[in-house]
Amino acid sequence: MRPCGLTPVKGNWLKPSPLQHTAAMPCGGCEAYAWCRGNCMKNLYLGYVKNDLRYRAGVVEPICGLLRFIGREVDRHDPQAWFARLPLPQRRQVTDCEVYEYVEVMP
């Protein structure tokens, strides 16, 4: 007898998520991709895979434009030089904190 009348799982019945990078998405050649990593998959899926031009123009493209702008502004201020000028305790505080590989901006 199984607890609570449960039956064993016979196979994976879950469908793969449609939120995967596709050739329709312009991320691969984007200057911000190295740090954004195309993380806003829901937005990209709706804008490019579902080809919702209104959503793409009103949500996806403004977010991507904002991320490119932020990246250019950060680079313009030479973050490596800023980091090098920090006292050692502050550099350690920055390097020892939890860091994620990407940036996400939610509309």
PDB file of N, CA and C in Angstrom:
ATOM      1  N   MET A   1       0.842  -1.188   0.000  1.00  0.00           N
ATOM      2  CA  MET A   1       0.000   0.000   0.000  1.00  0.00           C
ATOM      3  C   MET A   1       0.881   1.244   0.000  1.00  0.00           C
ATOM      4  N   ARG A   2       0.559   2.161  -0.878  1.00  0.00           N
ATOM      5  CA  ARG A   2       1.310   3.421  -0.981  1.00  0.00           C
ATOM      6  C   ARG A   2       0.705   4.461  -0.046  1.00  0.00           C
ATOM      7  N   PRO A   3       1.551   5.349   0.505  1.00  0.00           N
ATOM      8  CA  PRO A   3       1.014   6.398   1.380  1.00  0.00           C
ATOM      9  C   PRO A   3       0.036   7.290   0.625  1.00  0.00           C
ATOM     10  N   CYS A   4      -1.042   7.626   1.249  1.00  0.00           N
ATOM     11  CA  CYS A   4      -2.050   8.557   0.726  1.00  0.00           C
ATOM     12  C   CYS A   4      -2.591   8.135  -0.633  1.00  0.00           C
ATOM     13  N   GLY A   5      -2.470   6.898  -1.005  1.00  0.00           N
ATOM     14  CA  GLY A   5      -3.008   6.427  -2.273  1.00  0.00           C
ATOM     15  C   GLY A   5      -2.271   6.953  -3.487  1.00  0.00           C
ATOM     16  N   LEU A   6      -1.013   7.364  -3.348  1.00  0.00           N
ATOM     17  CA  LEU A   6      -0.248   7.916  -4.465  1.00  0.00           C
ATOM     18  C   LEU A   6       0.194   6.807  -5.408  1.00  0.00           C
ATOM     19  N   THR A   7       0.207   7.106  -6.668  1.00  0.00           N
ATOM     20  CA  THR A   7       0.727   6.166  -7.662  1.00  0.00           C
ATOM     21  C   THR A   7       2.105   6.635  -8.089  1.00  0.00           C
ATOM     22  N   PRO A   8       2.961   5.721  -8.514  1.00  0.00           N
ATOM     23  CA  PRO A   8       4.311   6.138  -8.909  1.00  0.00           C
ATOM     24  C   PRO A   8       4.289   6.964 -10.195  1.00  0.00           C
ATOM     25  N   VAL A   9       5.264   7.840 -10.308  1.00  0.00           N
ATOM     26  CA  VAL A   9       5.401   8.650 -11.518  1.00  0.00           C
ATOM     27  C   VAL A   9       5.983   7.761 -12.611  1.00  0.00           C
ATOM     28  N   LYS A  10       5.288   7.667 -13.734  1.00  0.00           N
ATOM     29  CA  LYS A  10       5.717   6.794 -14.826  1.00  0.00           C
ATOM     30  C   LYS A  10       6.590   7.519 -15.842  1.00  0.00           C
ATOM     31  N   GLY A  11       6.438   8.799 -15.952  1.00  0.00           N
ATOM     32  CA  GLY A  11       7.224   9.560 -16.928  1.00  0.00           C
ATOM     33  C   GLY A  11       7.066  11.045 -16.675  1.00  0.00           C
ATOM     34  N   ASN A  12       7.826  11.819 -17.356  1.00  0.00           N
ATOM     35  CA  ASN A  12       7.751  13.271 -17.216  1.00  0.00           C
ATOM     36  C   ASN A  12       6.623  13.779 -18.103  1.00  0.00           C
ATOM     37  N   TRP A  13       5.542  14.188 -17.497  1.00  0.00           N
ATOM     38  CA  TRP A  13       4.393  14.684 -18.250  1.00  0.00           C
ATOM     39  C   TRP A  13       4.453  16.188 -18.458  1.00  0.00           C
ATOM     40  N   LEU A  14       5.481  16.828 -17.912  1.00  0.00           N
ATOM     41  CA  LEU A  14       5.612  18.278 -18.069  1.00  0.00           C
ATOM     42  C   LEU A  14       6.058  18.626 -19.479  1.00  0.00           C
ATOM     43  N   LYS A  15       5.466  19.644 -20.030  1.00  0.00           N
ATOM     44  CA  LYS A  15       5.862  20.114 -21.364  1.00  0.00           C
ATOM     45  C   LYS A  15       7.051  21.050 -21.217  1.00  0.00           C
ATOM     46  N   PRO A  16       7.967  21.056 -22.194  1.00  0.00           N
ATOM     47  CA  PRO A  16       9.068  22.018 -22.126  1.00  0.00           C
ATOM     48  C   PRO A  16       8.530  23.449 -22.237  1.00  0.00           C
ATOM     49  N   SER A  17       9.174  24.347 -21.564  1.00  0.00           N
ATOM     50  CA  SER A  17       8.753  25.743 -21.607  1.00  0.00           C
ATOM     51  C   SER A  17       8.997  26.325 -22.994  1.00  0.00           C
ATOM     52  N   PRO A  18       8.048  27.106 -23.487  1.00  0.00           N
ATOM     53  CA  PRO A  18       8.282  27.794 -24.763  1.00  0.00           C
ATOM     54  C   PRO A  18       9.256  28.966 -24.604  1.00  0.00           C
ATOM     55  N   LEU A  19       9.614  29.276 -23.354  1.00  0.00           N
ATOM     56  CA  LEU A  19      10.482  30.416 -23.081  1.00  0.00           C
ATOM     57  C   LEU A  19      11.946  30.016 -23.241  1.00  0.00           C
ATOM     58  N   GLN A  20      12.342  29.791 -24.467  1.00  0.00           N
ATOM     59  CA  GLN A  20      13.710  29.436 -24.827  1.00  0.00           C
ATOM     60  C   GLN A  20      14.183  30.407 -25.899  1.00  0.00           C
ATOM     61  N   HIS A  21      15.479  30.630 -25.959  1.00  0.00           N
ATOM     62  CA  HIS A  21      16.014  31.498 -27.008  1.00  0.00           C
ATOM     63  C   HIS A  21      15.745  30.870 -28.374  1.00  0.00           C
ATOM     64  N   THR A  22      15.357  31.707 -29.315  1.00  0.00           N
ATOM     65  CA  THR A  22      15.118  31.247 -30.675  1.00  0.00           C
ATOM     66  C   THR A  22      15.834  32.185 -31.637  1.00  0.00           C
ATOM     67  N   ALA A  23      15.927  31.765 -32.884  1.00  0.00           N
ATOM     68  CA  ALA A  23      16.569  32.592 -33.907  1.00  0.00           C
ATOM     69  C   ALA A  23      15.794  33.889 -34.147  1.00  0.00           C
ATOM     70  N   ALA A  24      14.512  33.925 -33.796  1.00  0.00           N
ATOM     71  CA  ALA A  24      13.700  35.134 -33.990  1.00  0.00           C
ATOM     72  C   ALA A  24      14.101  36.263 -33.047  1.00  0.00           C
ATOM     73  N   MET A  25      14.783  35.936 -31.964  1.00  0.00           N
ATOM     74  CA  MET A  25      15.155  36.940 -30.964  1.00  0.00           C
ATOM     75  C   MET A  25      16.489  37.581 -31.339  1.00  0.00           C
ATOM     76  N   PRO A  26      16.596  38.900 -31.198  1.00  0.00           N
ATOM     77  CA  PRO A  26      17.806  39.615 -31.627  1.00  0.00           C
ATOM     78  C   PRO A  26      18.931  39.651 -30.599  1.00  0.00           C
ATOM     79  N   CYS A  27      18.880  38.828 -29.578  1.00  0.00           N
ATOM     80  CA  CYS A  27      19.811  38.931 -28.448  1.00  0.00           C
ATOM     81  C   CYS A  27      21.268  38.652 -28.807  1.00  0.00           C
ATOM     82  N   GLY A  28      21.517  37.693 -29.659  1.00  0.00           N
ATOM     83  CA  GLY A  28      22.878  37.247 -29.932  1.00  0.00           C
ATOM     84  C   GLY A  28      23.832  38.350 -30.338  1.00  0.00           C
ATOM     85  N   GLY A  29      23.382  39.329 -31.104  1.00  0.00           N
ATOM     86  CA  GLY A  29      24.254  40.402 -31.557  1.00  0.00           C
ATOM     87  C   GLY A  29      24.161  41.669 -30.732  1.00  0.00           C
ATOM     88  N   CYS A  30      23.436  41.634 -29.629  1.00  0.00           N
ATOM     89  CA  CYS A  30      23.223  42.840 -28.820  1.00  0.00           C
ATOM     90  C   CYS A  30      24.429  43.136 -27.947  1.00  0.00           C
ATOM     91  N   GLU A  31      24.801  44.399 -27.848  1.00  0.00           N
ATOM     92  CA  GLU A  31      25.945  44.804 -27.026  1.00  0.00           C
ATOM     93  C   GLU A  31      25.713  44.546 -25.540  1.00  0.00           C
ATOM     94  N   ALA A  32      24.477  44.466 -25.092  1.00  0.00           N
ATOM     95  CA  ALA A  32      24.182  44.261 -23.673  1.00  0.00           C
ATOM     96  C   ALA A  32      24.039  42.792 -23.302  1.00  0.00           C
ATOM     97  N   TYR A  33      24.056  41.897 -24.268  1.00  0.00           N
ATOM     98  CA  TYR A  33      23.779  40.489 -23.993  1.00  0.00           C
ATOM     99  C   TYR A  33      24.758  39.863 -23.005  1.00  0.00           C
ATOM    100  N   ALA A  34      25.997  40.296 -22.993  1.00  0.00           N
ATOM    101  CA  ALA A  34      26.999  39.705 -22.100  1.00  0.00           C
ATOM    102  C   ALA A  34      26.578  39.801 -20.640  1.00  0.00           C
ATOM    103  N   TRP A  35      25.795  40.797 -20.267  1.00  0.00           N
ATOM    104  CA  TRP A  35      25.377  40.893 -18.878  1.00  0.00           C
ATOM    105  C   TRP A  35      23.879  40.801 -18.686  1.00  0.00           C
ATOM    106  N   CYS A  36      23.078  41.024 -19.694  1.00  0.00           N
ATOM    107  CA  CYS A  36      21.630  40.854 -19.515  1.00  0.00           C
ATOM    108  C   CYS A  36      21.240  39.403 -19.755  1.00  0.00           C
ATOM    109  N   ARG A  37      21.942  38.705 -20.655  1.00  0.00           N
ATOM    110  CA  ARG A  37      21.755  37.285 -20.943  1.00  0.00           C
ATOM    111  C   ARG A  37      20.369  36.941 -21.475  1.00  0.00           C
ATOM    112  N   GLY A  38      19.666  37.928 -22.047  1.00  0.00           N
ATOM    113  CA  GLY A  38      18.332  37.657 -22.580  1.00  0.00           C
ATOM    114  C   GLY A  38      17.392  37.152 -21.509  1.00  0.00           C
ATOM    115  N   ASN A  39      17.546  37.660 -20.305  1.00  0.00           N
ATOM    116  CA  ASN A  39      16.809  37.125 -19.167  1.00  0.00           C
ATOM    117  C   ASN A  39      15.306  37.396 -19.208  1.00  0.00           C
ATOM    118  N   CYS A  40      14.864  38.375 -19.906  1.00  0.00           N
ATOM    119  CA  CYS A  40      13.431  38.691 -19.923  1.00  0.00           C
ATOM    120  C   CYS A  40      12.721  37.831 -20.982  1.00  0.00           C
ATOM    121  N   MET A  41      12.814  36.517 -20.821  1.00  0.00           N
ATOM    122  CA  MET A  41      12.298  35.579 -21.825  1.00  0.00           C
ATOM    123  C   MET A  41      10.816  35.741 -22.096  1.00  0.00           C
ATOM    124  N   LYS A  42      10.015  36.054 -21.080  1.00  0.00           N
ATOM    125  CA  LYS A  42       8.586  36.246 -21.323  1.00  0.00           C
ATOM    126  C   LYS A  42       8.384  37.379 -22.317  1.00  0.00           C
ATOM    127  N   ASN A  43       9.116  38.465 -22.120  1.00  0.00           N
ATOM    128  CA  ASN A  43       8.989  39.607 -23.024  1.00  0.00           C
ATOM    129  C   ASN A  43       9.468  39.243 -24.424  1.00  0.00           C
ATOM    130  N   LEU A  44      10.613  38.574 -24.512  1.00  0.00           N
ATOM    131  CA  LEU A  44      11.146  38.186 -25.815  1.00  0.00           C
ATOM    132  C   LEU A  44      10.213  37.213 -26.522  1.00  0.00           C
ATOM    133  N   TYR A  45       9.660  36.284 -25.775  1.00  0.00           N
ATOM    134  CA  TYR A  45       8.739  35.298 -26.355  1.00  0.00           C
ATOM    135  C   TYR A  45       7.517  35.992 -26.953  1.00  0.00           C
ATOM    136  N   LEU A  46       6.907  36.883 -26.166  1.00  0.00           N
ATOM    137  CA  LEU A  46       5.717  37.571 -26.672  1.00  0.00           C
ATOM    138  C   LEU A  46       6.048  38.476 -27.853  1.00  0.00           C
ATOM    139  N   GLY A  47       7.150  39.186 -27.764  1.00  0.00           N
ATOM    140  CA  GLY A  47       7.493  40.141 -28.808  1.00  0.00           C
ATOM    141  C   GLY A  47       7.988  39.513 -30.094  1.00  0.00           C
ATOM    142  N   TYR A  48       8.778  38.448 -29.991  1.00  0.00           N
ATOM    143  CA  TYR A  48       9.425  37.891 -31.191  1.00  0.00           C
ATOM    144  C   TYR A  48       8.866  36.541 -31.630  1.00  0.00           C
ATOM    145  N   VAL A  49       8.646  35.610 -30.719  1.00  0.00           N
ATOM    146  CA  VAL A  49       8.122  34.301 -31.123  1.00  0.00           C
ATOM    147  C   VAL A  49       6.641  34.416 -31.457  1.00  0.00           C
ATOM    148  N   LYS A  50       5.878  35.080 -30.588  1.00  0.00           N
ATOM    149  CA  LYS A  50       4.457  35.302 -30.858  1.00  0.00           C
ATOM    150  C   LYS A  50       4.249  36.466 -31.822  1.00  0.00           C
ATOM    151  N   ASN A  51       5.329  37.171 -32.114  1.00  0.00           N
ATOM    152  CA  ASN A  51       5.335  38.285 -33.064  1.00  0.00           C
ATOM    153  C   ASN A  51       4.288  39.355 -32.748  1.00  0.00           C
ATOM    154  N   ASP A  52       4.188  39.688 -31.455  1.00  0.00           N
ATOM    155  CA  ASP A  52       3.279  40.740 -31.017  1.00  0.00           C
ATOM    156  C   ASP A  52       4.002  42.078 -31.199  1.00  0.00           C
ATOM    157  N   LEU A  53       3.784  42.689 -32.340  1.00  0.00           N
ATOM    158  CA  LEU A  53       4.520  43.907 -32.692  1.00  0.00           C
ATOM    159  C   LEU A  53       4.232  45.057 -31.738  1.00  0.00           C
ATOM    160  N   ARG A  54       3.007  45.141 -31.264  1.00  0.00           N
ATOM    161  CA  ARG A  54       2.663  46.212 -30.329  1.00  0.00           C
ATOM    162  C   ARG A  54       3.414  46.014 -29.001  1.00  0.00           C
ATOM    163  N   TYR A  55       3.446  44.786 -28.495  1.00  0.00           N
ATOM    164  CA  TYR A  55       4.166  44.491 -27.259  1.00  0.00           C
ATOM    165  C   TYR A  55       5.669  44.699 -27.452  1.00  0.00           C
ATOM    166  N   ARG A  56       6.167  44.288 -28.599  1.00  0.00           N
ATOM    167  CA  ARG A  56       7.591  44.464 -28.889  1.00  0.00           C
ATOM    168  C   ARG A  56       7.961  45.942 -28.865  1.00  0.00           C
ATOM    169  N   ALA A  57       7.158  46.769 -29.549  1.00  0.00           N
ATOM    170  CA  ALA A  57       7.453  48.204 -29.622  1.00  0.00           C
ATOM    171  C   ALA A  57       7.228  48.916 -28.292  1.00  0.00           C
ATOM    172  N   GLY A  58       6.210  48.486 -27.532  1.00  0.00           N
ATOM    173  CA  GLY A  58       5.872  49.185 -26.301  1.00  0.00           C
ATOM    174  C   GLY A  58       6.583  48.694 -25.060  1.00  0.00           C
ATOM    175  N   VAL A  59       7.079  47.445 -25.081  1.00  0.00           N
ATOM    176  CA  VAL A  59       7.697  46.871 -23.884  1.00  0.00           C
ATOM    177  C   VAL A  59       9.123  46.394 -24.159  1.00  0.00           C
ATOM    178  N   VAL A  60       9.276  45.465 -25.104  1.00  0.00           N
ATOM    179  CA  VAL A  60      10.569  44.807 -25.306  1.00  0.00           C
ATOM    180  C   VAL A  60      11.643  45.792 -25.762  1.00  0.00           C
ATOM    181  N   GLU A  61      11.380  46.521 -26.810  1.00  0.00           N
ATOM    182  CA  GLU A  61      12.405  47.429 -27.340  1.00  0.00           C
ATOM    183  C   GLU A  61      12.780  48.544 -26.366  1.00  0.00           C
ATOM    184  N   PRO A  62      11.813  49.148 -25.646  1.00  0.00           N
ATOM    185  CA  PRO A  62      12.234  50.142 -24.647  1.00  0.00           C
ATOM    186  C   PRO A  62      13.103  49.555 -23.528  1.00  0.00           C
ATOM    187  N   ILE A  63      12.781  48.332 -23.069  1.00  0.00           N
ATOM    188  CA  ILE A  63      13.594  47.718 -22.021  1.00  0.00           C
ATOM    189  C   ILE A  63      14.995  47.426 -22.548  1.00  0.00           C
ATOM    190  N   CYS A  64      15.081  46.860 -23.743  1.00  0.00           N
ATOM    191  CA  CYS A  64      16.396  46.569 -24.320  1.00  0.00           C
ATOM    192  C   CYS A  64      17.193  47.858 -24.526  1.00  0.00           C
ATOM    193  N   GLY A  65      16.531  48.907 -24.988  1.00  0.00           N
ATOM    194  CA  GLY A  65      17.200  50.193 -25.169  1.00  0.00           C
ATOM    195  C   GLY A  65      17.702  50.748 -23.850  1.00  0.00           C
ATOM    196  N   LEU A  66      16.898  50.615 -22.794  1.00  0.00           N
ATOM    197  CA  LEU A  66      17.312  51.087 -21.476  1.00  0.00           C
ATOM    198  C   LEU A  66      18.537  50.313 -20.987  1.00  0.00           C
ATOM    199  N   LEU A  67      18.541  48.994 -21.162  1.00  0.00           N
ATOM    200  CA  LEU A  67      19.694  48.199 -20.733  1.00  0.00           C
ATOM    201  C   LEU A  67      20.954  48.560 -21.496  1.00  0.00           C
ATOM    202  N   ARG A  68      20.824  48.798 -22.805  1.00  0.00           N
ATOM    203  CA  ARG A  68      22.007  49.223 -23.578  1.00  0.00           C
ATOM    204  C   ARG A  68      22.511  50.574 -23.079  1.00  0.00           C
ATOM    205  N   PHE A  69      21.592  51.506 -22.799  1.00  0.00           N
ATOM    206  CA  PHE A  69      21.967  52.826 -22.295  1.00  0.00           C
ATOM    207  C   PHE A  69      22.687  52.701 -20.945  1.00  0.00           C
ATOM    208  N   ILE A  70      22.120  51.907 -20.025  1.00  0.00           N
ATOM    209  CA  ILE A  70      22.738  51.729 -18.716  1.00  0.00           C
ATOM    210  C   ILE A  70      24.143  51.155 -18.873  1.00  0.00           C
ATOM    211  N   GLY A  71      24.289  50.149 -19.725  1.00  0.00           N
ATOM    212  CA  GLY A  71      25.606  49.553 -19.946  1.00  0.00           C
ATOM    213  C   GLY A  71      26.623  50.554 -20.477  1.00  0.00           C
ATOM    214  N   ARG A  72      26.208  51.375 -21.437  1.00  0.00           N
ATOM    215  CA  ARG A  72      27.127  52.386 -21.980  1.00  0.00           C
ATOM    216  C   ARG A  72      27.504  53.412 -20.915  1.00  0.00           C
ATOM    217  N   GLU A  73      26.536  53.808 -20.083  1.00  0.00           N
ATOM    218  CA  GLU A  73      26.818  54.775 -19.020  1.00  0.00           C
ATOM    219  C   GLU A  73      27.778  54.192 -17.982  1.00  0.00           C
ATOM    220  N   VAL A  74      27.565  52.948 -17.607  1.00  0.00           N
ATOM    221  CA  VAL A  74      28.471  52.307 -16.645  1.00  0.00           C
ATOM    222  C   VAL A  74      29.879  52.253 -17.238  1.00  0.00           C
ATOM    223  N   ASP A  75      29.995  51.799 -18.484  1.00  0.00           N
ATOM    224  CA  ASP A  75      31.316  51.706 -19.120  1.00  0.00           C
ATOM    225  C   ASP A  75      31.976  53.069 -19.256  1.00  0.00           C
ATOM    226  N   ARG A  76      31.199  54.096 -19.510  1.00  0.00           N
ATOM    227  CA  ARG A  76      31.734  55.455 -19.682  1.00  0.00           C
ATOM    228  C   ARG A  76      32.427  55.945 -18.411  1.00  0.00           C
ATOM    229  N   HIS A  77      31.997  55.435 -17.273  1.00  0.00           N
ATOM    230  CA  HIS A  77      32.574  55.859 -15.999  1.00  0.00           C
ATOM    231  C   HIS A  77      33.665  54.924 -15.502  1.00  0.00           C
ATOM    232  N   ASP A  78      34.130  54.039 -16.358  1.00  0.00           N
ATOM    233  CA  ASP A  78      35.272  53.163 -16.080  1.00  0.00           C
ATOM    234  C   ASP A  78      35.150  52.446 -14.733  1.00  0.00           C
ATOM    235  N   PRO A  79      34.263  51.460 -14.640  1.00  0.00           N
ATOM    236  CA  PRO A  79      34.060  50.790 -13.354  1.00  0.00           C
ATOM    237  C   PRO A  79      35.300  50.062 -12.832  1.00  0.00           C
ATOM    238  N   GLN A  80      36.178  49.607 -13.720  1.00  0.00           N
ATOM    239  CA  GLN A  80      37.397  48.940 -13.245  1.00  0.00           C
ATOM    240  C   GLN A  80      38.292  49.913 -12.488  1.00  0.00           C
ATOM    241  N   ALA A  81      38.415  51.141 -12.990  1.00  0.00           N
ATOM    242  CA  ALA A  81      39.229  52.144 -12.301  1.00  0.00           C
ATOM    243  C   ALA A  81      38.585  52.533 -10.963  1.00  0.00           C
ATOM    244  N   TRP A  82      37.267  52.663 -10.964  1.00  0.00           N
ATOM    245  CA  TRP A  82      36.553  52.973  -9.721  1.00  0.00           C
ATOM    246  C   TRP A  82      36.820  51.892  -8.680  1.00  0.00           C
ATOM    247  N   PHE A  83      36.711  50.630  -9.095  1.00  0.00           N
ATOM    248  CA  PHE A  83      36.937  49.508  -8.189  1.00  0.00           C
ATOM    249  C   PHE A  83      38.370  49.505  -7.668  1.00  0.00           C
ATOM    250  N   ALA A  84      39.323  49.796  -8.529  1.00  0.00           N
ATOM    251  CA  ALA A  84      40.736  49.799  -8.132  1.00  0.00           C
ATOM    252  C   ALA A  84      41.021  50.883  -7.089  1.00  0.00           C
ATOM    253  N   ARG A  85      40.265  51.980  -7.103  1.00  0.00           N
ATOM    254  CA  ARG A  85      40.467  53.070  -6.140  1.00  0.00           C
ATOM    255  C   ARG A  85      39.841  52.791  -4.774  1.00  0.00           C
ATOM    256  N   LEU A  86      38.965  51.791  -4.687  1.00  0.00           N
ATOM    257  CA  LEU A  86      38.316  51.494  -3.406  1.00  0.00           C
ATOM    258  C   LEU A  86      39.327  50.951  -2.400  1.00  0.00           C
ATOM    259  N   PRO A  87      39.147  51.287  -1.129  1.00  0.00           N
ATOM    260  CA  PRO A  87      39.978  50.658  -0.093  1.00  0.00           C
ATOM    261  C   PRO A  87      39.711  49.149  -0.080  1.00  0.00           C
ATOM    262  N   LEU A  88      40.697  48.388   0.320  1.00  0.00           N
ATOM    263  CA  LEU A  88      40.608  46.929   0.302  1.00  0.00           C
ATOM    264  C   LEU A  88      39.353  46.382   0.991  1.00  0.00           C
ATOM    265  N   PRO A  89      38.965  46.874   2.177  1.00  0.00           N
ATOM    266  CA  PRO A  89      37.750  46.328   2.812  1.00  0.00           C
ATOM    267  C   PRO A  89      36.498  46.498   1.935  1.00  0.00           C
ATOM    268  N   GLN A  90      36.400  47.618   1.243  1.00  0.00           N
ATOM    269  CA  GLN A  90      35.238  47.829   0.371  1.00  0.00           C
ATOM    270  C   GLN A  90      35.315  46.951  -0.876  1.00  0.00           C
ATOM    271  N   ARG A  91      36.506  46.753  -1.423  1.00  0.00           N
ATOM    272  CA  ARG A  91      36.641  45.840  -2.562  1.00  0.00           C
ATOM    273  C   ARG A  91      36.226  44.430  -2.166  1.00  0.00           C
ATOM    274  N   ARG A  92      36.641  44.004  -0.977  1.00  0.00           N
ATOM    275  CA  ARG A  92      36.254  42.669  -0.500  1.00  0.00           C
ATOM    276  C   ARG A  92      34.745  42.570  -0.308  1.00  0.00           C
ATOM    277  N   GLN A  93      34.148  43.646   0.181  1.00  0.00           N
ATOM    278  CA  GLN A  93      32.699  43.643   0.360  1.00  0.00           C
ATOM    279  C   GLN A  93      31.993  43.456  -0.981  1.00  0.00           C
ATOM    280  N   VAL A  94      32.499  44.089  -2.022  1.00  0.00           N
ATOM    281  CA  VAL A  94      31.916  43.950  -3.355  1.00  0.00           C
ATOM    282  C   VAL A  94      32.156  42.546  -3.906  1.00  0.00           C
ATOM    283  N   THR A  95      33.380  42.041  -3.782  1.00  0.00           N
ATOM    284  CA  THR A  95      33.700  40.745  -4.386  1.00  0.00           C
ATOM    285  C   THR A  95      33.138  39.565  -3.598  1.00  0.00           C
ATOM    286  N   ASP A  96      32.866  39.746  -2.310  1.00  0.00           N
ATOM    287  CA  ASP A  96      32.370  38.642  -1.496  1.00  0.00           C
ATOM    288  C   ASP A  96      30.848  38.533  -1.455  1.00  0.00           C
ATOM    289  N   CYS A  97      30.150  39.493  -2.044  1.00  0.00           N
ATOM    290  CA  CYS A  97      28.690  39.416  -2.009  1.00  0.00           C
ATOM    291  C   CYS A  97      28.177  38.499  -3.121  1.00  0.00           C
ATOM    292  N   GLU A  98      26.937  38.050  -2.967  1.00  0.00           N
ATOM    293  CA  GLU A  98      26.318  37.176  -3.961  1.00  0.00           C
ATOM    294  C   GLU A  98      26.070  37.966  -5.242  1.00  0.00           C
ATOM    295  N   VAL A  99      26.486  37.408  -6.357  1.00  0.00           N
ATOM    296  CA  VAL A  99      26.372  38.098  -7.640  1.00  0.00           C
ATOM    297  C   VAL A  99      25.645  37.205  -8.630  1.00  0.00           C
ATOM    298  N   TYR A 100      24.790  37.802  -9.415  1.00  0.00           N
ATOM    299  CA  TYR A 100      24.089  37.079 -10.461  1.00  0.00           C
ATOM    300  C   TYR A 100      24.682  37.443 -11.809  1.00  0.00           C
ATOM    301  N   GLU A 101      24.507  36.585 -12.794  1.00  0.00           N
ATOM    302  CA  GLU A 101      25.115  36.773 -14.108  1.00  0.00           C
ATOM    303  C   GLU A 101      24.362  37.721 -15.020  1.00  0.00           C
ATOM    304  N   TYR A 102      23.230  38.199 -14.609  1.00  0.00           N
ATOM    305  CA  TYR A 102      22.405  38.945 -15.530  1.00  0.00           C
ATOM    306  C   TYR A 102      21.672  40.072 -14.821  1.00  0.00           C
ATOM    307  N   VAL A 103      21.052  40.897 -15.616  1.00  0.00           N
ATOM    308  CA  VAL A 103      20.252  42.006 -15.127  1.00  0.00           C
ATOM    309  C   VAL A 103      18.842  41.814 -15.666  1.00  0.00           C
ATOM    310  N   GLU A 104      17.856  42.076 -14.852  1.00  0.00           N
ATOM    311  CA  GLU A 104      16.487  41.978 -15.339  1.00  0.00           C
ATOM    312  C   GLU A 104      15.755  43.255 -14.995  1.00  0.00           C
ATOM    313  N   VAL A 105      15.090  43.821 -15.987  1.00  0.00           N
ATOM    314  CA  VAL A 105      14.262  44.999 -15.786  1.00  0.00           C
ATOM    315  C   VAL A 105      12.828  44.565 -16.072  1.00  0.00           C
ATOM    316  N   MET A 106      11.966  44.732 -15.095  1.00  0.00           N
ATOM    317  CA  MET A 106      10.582  44.299 -15.249  1.00  0.00           C
ATOM    318  C   MET A 106       9.707  45.495 -15.604  1.00  0.00           C
ATOM    319  N   PRO A 107       8.837  45.341 -16.594  1.00  0.00           N
ATOM    320  CA  PRO A 107       7.937  46.459 -16.937  1.00  0.00           C
ATOM    321  C   PRO A 107       6.847  46.598 -15.904  1.00  0.00           C
TER     322      PRO A 107
END
